[in-house]
Amino acid sequence: MSEVLGRTTDREAPKPESLSQLLGGARAAWDATIPVVAFAVGWYAAGRNVVWGSGVAVAVALVVAVWRWRHGVRPRAVLLGILGVCVAAAIAIYTGRAEDFFLPRLVSNAASAVAWALSIVLRWPLLGVVVGGVLGQRTRWRRDPALLRAYSRASWVWVGQYLTRLAVFIPLWAAGAVAALTWAQVLLSWPLVAAVIAASGVVLWRSLPAGHPGLRHPVTEPHADTEPHTGTEPHTGTEPDAGAKPNAGTGVEPATKRP
């Protein structure tokens, strides 16, 4: 039986890569959504008080962070999650506008859209960087032209994800629609991420040529020169062999001295 992400036997066709298994995404999406829902609930329950809503959001974010940390999530990721919620809460408290709690999400999605688009233009598609890092390939995938092209095409799906969020979030933020922003955050978190992972996986696999061994095995061209160049002429085979007898193979006997 061949591996899903490995080489295939002669009798088996290559199977599509499972990006959902490689990238995951559900945990991070829900971790980003739960504090937002907590903010909206606290804001409404406290009579639309931004300070109370922000406090509830930070408290819930701390609970989620501790839970994730105790279940093996790296401390760096946990701290970044808390930091994001604290920044959003600080902005909302400073401006006094509940919709500004969502402002960092607008900025992060705009920055992500630009970063992913630039990575494609510069021939460093971020989907390849992420998947290559997960598979421990570093930059070896870039030496496979077919894989580089496939990662570039699939990365456009991720650009579309961030642009979709911006198209929804910006009008709602401008209108001050906190409830609608909360629902949009829920619907455009894990459901959208799951759709993007599935769609980019299909684009990625269909962009690879028939018979390609898959993401785990980039097809790279071997170097033409594997031997170091010494600067000397190659052996032509015309030099006499040190161990051969004189006139060997000529039929002429060597002259001998007479006594």
Protein backbone atom coordinates (compact mmCIF):
# COMPACT_ATOMS: atom_id res chain seq x y z
CA MET A 1 0.00 0.00 0.00
CA SER A 2 1.37 3.38 -0.94
CA GLU A 3 1.42 6.37 1.36
CA VAL A 4 -1.09 9.14 0.85
CA LEU A 5 1.66 11.73 0.79
CA GLY A 6 4.42 9.55 -0.58
CA ARG A 7 5.43 7.76 -3.72
CA THR A 8 3.05 5.41 -5.42
CA THR A 9 3.52 1.99 -6.88
CA ASP A 10 3.29 1.29 -10.61
CA ARG A 11 -0.24 -0.07 -10.27
CA GLU A 12 -1.61 2.77 -8.19
CA ALA A 13 -2.38 6.31 -9.32
CA PRO A 14 -1.15 9.17 -7.12
CA LYS A 15 -3.64 10.18 -4.47
CA PRO A 16 -4.46 13.84 -3.70
CA GLU A 17 -2.58 15.45 -0.85
CA SER A 18 -4.58 16.17 2.29
CA LEU A 19 -3.84 19.77 3.22
CA SER A 20 -6.32 19.61 6.07
CA GLN A 21 -4.18 16.96 7.79
CA LEU A 22 -0.99 18.93 7.16
CA LEU A 23 -2.20 22.40 8.08
CA GLY A 24 -5.00 21.81 10.53
CA GLY A 25 -6.53 25.23 11.13
CA ALA A 26 -9.58 24.46 13.26
CA ARG A 27 -7.88 25.17 16.60
CA ALA A 28 -6.45 28.55 15.59
CA ALA A 29 -9.72 29.62 13.96
CA TRP A 30 -11.81 28.81 17.02
CA ASP A 31 -9.26 30.36 19.37
CA ALA A 32 -9.61 33.61 17.42
CA THR A 33 -13.41 33.43 17.42
CA ILE A 34 -14.27 32.59 21.05
CA PRO A 35 -12.94 35.87 22.55
CA VAL A 36 -14.86 37.85 19.91
CA VAL A 37 -18.12 36.16 20.89
CA ALA A 38 -17.26 36.76 24.55
CA PHE A 39 -16.75 40.46 23.85
CA ALA A 40 -20.14 40.79 22.15
CA VAL A 41 -21.91 38.90 24.94
CA GLY A 42 -20.23 40.96 27.68
CA TRP A 43 -20.87 44.19 25.80
CA TYR A 44 -24.60 43.47 25.43
CA ALA A 45 -25.00 42.06 28.96
CA ALA A 46 -23.40 45.16 30.50
CA GLY A 47 -25.65 47.57 28.64
CA ARG A 48 -23.30 48.07 25.70
CA ASN A 49 -20.35 48.89 27.92
CA VAL A 50 -17.06 48.61 26.02
CA VAL A 51 -14.94 48.21 29.15
CA TRP A 52 -16.99 45.29 30.42
CA GLY A 53 -17.05 43.64 27.01
CA SER A 54 -13.27 44.01 26.69
CA GLY A 55 -12.73 42.59 30.17
CA VAL A 56 -14.84 39.54 29.42
CA ALA A 57 -12.97 39.01 26.13
CA VAL A 58 -9.56 39.16 27.81
CA ALA A 59 -10.69 36.84 30.63
CA VAL A 60 -12.02 34.26 28.17
CA ALA A 61 -8.84 34.56 26.08
CA LEU A 62 -6.78 33.79 29.19
CA VAL A 63 -8.89 30.71 29.95
CA VAL A 64 -8.52 29.48 26.36
CA ALA A 65 -4.76 30.15 26.46
CA VAL A 66 -4.27 28.18 29.67
CA TRP A 67 -6.35 25.34 28.29
CA ARG A 68 -4.32 25.23 25.06
CA TRP A 69 -1.01 25.48 26.91
CA ARG A 70 -1.91 22.56 29.19
CA HIS A 71 -2.78 20.52 26.11
CA GLY A 72 0.58 20.98 24.43
CA VAL A 73 0.24 24.17 22.40
CA ARG A 74 3.51 26.11 22.21
CA PRO A 75 3.73 29.02 24.70
CA ARG A 76 4.60 31.43 21.89
CA ALA A 77 1.34 30.74 20.08
CA VAL A 78 -0.59 31.07 23.34
CA LEU A 79 0.99 34.44 24.15
CA LEU A 80 0.36 35.77 20.65
CA GLY A 81 -3.32 34.86 20.98
CA ILE A 82 -3.63 36.72 24.28
CA LEU A 83 -1.71 39.69 22.89
CA GLY A 84 -4.09 40.00 19.93
CA VAL A 85 -7.14 40.12 22.19
CA CYS A 86 -5.49 42.63 24.53
CA VAL A 87 -4.64 44.94 21.62
CA ALA A 88 -8.22 44.78 20.31
CA ALA A 89 -9.59 45.49 23.78
CA ALA A 90 -7.23 48.43 24.30
CA ILE A 91 -8.26 50.01 20.99
CA ALA A 92 -11.97 49.61 21.77
CA ILE A 93 -11.54 51.12 25.26
CA TYR A 94 -9.47 54.00 23.90
CA THR A 95 -11.95 54.95 21.18
CA GLY A 96 -15.05 53.99 23.14
CA ARG A 97 -16.46 52.29 20.04
CA ALA A 98 -17.33 48.62 20.31
CA GLU A 99 -16.85 48.05 16.57
CA ASP A 100 -13.19 49.05 16.94
CA PHE A 101 -12.61 45.78 18.79
CA PHE A 102 -12.66 44.28 15.26
CA LEU A 103 -10.23 46.83 13.82
CA PRO A 104 -7.08 44.68 14.33
CA ARG A 105 -8.79 41.91 12.33
CA LEU A 106 -9.34 44.25 9.42
CA VAL A 107 -5.69 45.30 9.50
CA SER A 108 -4.38 41.73 9.82
CA ASN A 109 -6.52 40.49 6.93
CA ALA A 110 -5.42 43.38 4.70
CA ALA A 111 -1.76 42.74 5.56
CA SER A 112 -2.18 39.01 4.95
CA ALA A 113 -3.76 39.57 1.53
CA VAL A 114 -0.86 41.81 0.49
CA ALA A 115 1.77 39.42 1.88
CA TRP A 116 0.32 36.36 0.12
CA ALA A 117 -0.06 38.19 -3.18
CA LEU A 118 3.51 39.51 -3.03
CA SER A 119 4.84 36.05 -2.19
CA ILE A 120 3.28 34.71 -5.40
CA VAL A 121 4.69 37.55 -7.51
CA LEU A 122 8.15 37.00 -6.00
CA ARG A 123 7.92 33.24 -6.67
CA TRP A 124 7.95 32.42 -2.95
CA PRO A 125 4.29 31.39 -2.52
CA LEU A 126 3.51 31.28 1.18
CA LEU A 127 1.53 28.06 0.86
CA GLY A 128 4.73 26.38 -0.29
CA VAL A 129 6.69 27.99 2.53
CA VAL A 130 4.16 26.74 5.11
CA VAL A 131 3.73 23.22 3.72
CA GLY A 132 7.44 22.87 2.99
CA GLY A 133 8.19 23.83 6.58
CA VAL A 134 5.68 21.30 7.91
CA LEU A 135 7.24 18.57 5.75
CA GLY A 136 10.80 19.56 6.70
CA GLN A 137 11.78 20.37 3.11
CA ARG A 138 12.98 23.91 3.74
CA THR A 139 13.30 25.36 0.21
CA ARG A 140 13.78 22.13 -1.75
CA TRP A 141 10.23 22.38 -3.14
CA ARG A 142 11.23 25.53 -5.05
CA ARG A 143 13.60 23.52 -7.24
CA ASP A 144 10.61 21.60 -8.62
CA PRO A 145 9.09 23.87 -11.33
CA ALA A 146 5.78 21.98 -11.34
CA LEU A 147 5.45 22.14 -7.56
CA LEU A 148 6.38 25.84 -7.50
CA ARG A 149 3.71 26.57 -10.11
CA ALA A 150 1.11 24.52 -8.22
CA TYR A 151 1.83 26.27 -4.91
CA SER A 152 1.57 29.65 -6.65
CA ARG A 153 -1.85 28.86 -8.12
CA ALA A 154 -3.18 27.43 -4.86
CA SER A 155 -1.92 30.45 -2.89
CA TRP A 156 -4.36 32.68 -4.80
CA VAL A 157 -7.17 30.86 -3.01
CA TRP A 158 -5.75 32.11 0.29
CA VAL A 159 -5.54 35.65 -1.06
CA GLY A 160 -9.24 35.34 -1.89
CA GLN A 161 -9.95 34.32 1.71
CA TYR A 162 -8.54 37.54 3.13
CA LEU A 163 -10.21 39.69 0.48
CA THR A 164 -13.55 38.02 1.23
CA ARG A 165 -13.25 38.89 4.90
CA LEU A 166 -12.35 42.48 4.07
CA ALA A 167 -15.32 42.78 1.73
CA VAL A 168 -17.62 41.72 4.58
CA PHE A 169 -15.90 43.31 7.59
CA ILE A 170 -15.24 46.81 6.24
CA PRO A 171 -18.88 47.80 5.51
CA LEU A 172 -20.06 46.31 8.82
CA TRP A 173 -17.32 48.08 10.76
CA ALA A 174 -18.13 51.38 9.04
CA ALA A 175 -21.80 50.92 9.97
CA GLY A 176 -20.97 50.09 13.60
CA ALA A 177 -22.83 46.77 13.34
CA VAL A 178 -21.29 44.90 16.28
CA ALA A 179 -23.73 41.98 16.21
CA ALA A 180 -23.26 41.49 12.47
CA LEU A 181 -19.47 41.71 12.87
CA THR A 182 -19.63 39.00 15.52
CA TRP A 183 -21.66 36.69 13.30
CA ALA A 184 -19.35 37.43 10.38
CA GLN A 185 -16.34 36.50 12.51
CA VAL A 186 -17.97 33.18 13.40
CA LEU A 187 -18.95 32.33 9.83
CA LEU A 188 -15.69 33.52 8.27
CA SER A 189 -13.41 31.72 10.71
CA TRP A 190 -13.35 27.93 10.67
CA PRO A 191 -16.04 27.38 7.99
CA LEU A 192 -14.16 29.65 5.59
CA VAL A 193 -10.76 28.24 6.55
CA ALA A 194 -12.02 24.69 5.95
CA ALA A 195 -13.36 25.69 2.52
CA VAL A 196 -10.09 27.44 1.62
CA ILE A 197 -7.96 24.45 2.66
CA ALA A 198 -10.15 22.09 0.63
CA ALA A 199 -10.23 24.36 -2.44
CA SER A 200 -6.49 25.08 -2.39
CA GLY A 201 -5.80 21.37 -2.03
CA VAL A 202 -7.84 20.66 -5.17
CA VAL A 203 -6.11 23.46 -7.11
CA LEU A 204 -2.71 22.27 -5.88
CA TRP A 205 -3.24 18.66 -6.90
CA ARG A 206 -4.81 19.46 -10.28
CA SER A 207 -1.94 21.79 -11.10
CA LEU A 208 0.61 19.00 -10.76
CA PRO A 209 1.40 17.00 -13.92
CA ALA A 210 0.32 13.39 -14.25
CA GLY A 211 2.68 11.01 -12.48
CA HIS A 212 4.12 13.61 -10.10
CA PRO A 213 5.10 11.82 -6.86
CA GLY A 214 3.42 14.39 -4.60
CA LEU A 215 4.26 17.08 -2.09
CA ARG A 216 6.66 14.95 -0.08
CA HIS A 217 8.89 14.23 -3.08
CA PRO A 218 9.84 17.34 -5.09
CA VAL A 219 11.25 16.46 -8.51
CA THR A 220 14.56 18.31 -8.73
CA GLU A 221 17.15 18.18 -11.48
CA PRO A 222 20.50 16.65 -10.42
CA HIS A 223 23.58 18.79 -10.81
CA ALA A 224 25.44 18.24 -14.08
CA ASP A 225 28.87 18.32 -12.46
CA THR A 226 29.21 16.22 -9.35
CA GLU A 227 33.01 15.76 -9.68
CA PRO A 228 35.32 18.63 -8.72
CA HIS A 229 37.16 20.18 -11.69
CA THR A 230 40.93 19.72 -11.40
CA GLY A 231 42.01 21.70 -14.47
CA THR A 232 43.87 18.74 -16.00
CA GLU A 233 43.15 17.06 -19.28
CA PRO A 234 41.14 13.83 -19.15
CA HIS A 235 42.86 10.51 -19.64
CA THR A 236 42.70 9.55 -23.33
CA GLY A 237 43.96 6.02 -23.05
CA THR A 238 46.95 6.61 -25.35
CA GLU A 239 49.59 6.78 -22.65
CA PRO A 240 51.64 3.59 -22.24
CA ASP A 241 50.79 1.34 -19.37
CA ALA A 242 53.57 1.28 -16.79
CA GLY A 243 53.20 -2.44 -16.34
CA ALA A 244 53.12 -3.38 -20.05
CA LYS A 245 56.07 -4.87 -21.87
CA PRO A 246 57.77 -2.82 -24.61
CA ASN A 247 56.38 -3.48 -28.13
CA ALA A 248 53.66 -5.66 -26.63
CA GLY A 249 51.05 -6.59 -29.18
CA THR A 250 53.17 -5.36 -32.17
CA GLY A 251 54.64 -8.68 -33.12
CA VAL A 252 58.17 -7.29 -32.96
CA GLU A 253 60.56 -8.84 -30.50
CA PRO A 254 62.86 -6.47 -28.66
CA ALA A 255 66.49 -6.52 -29.69
CA THR A 256 68.85 -8.44 -27.39
CA LYS A 257 72.56 -7.96 -26.85
CA ARG A 258 74.85 -10.56 -28.16
CA PRO A 259 77.38 -11.91 -25.73
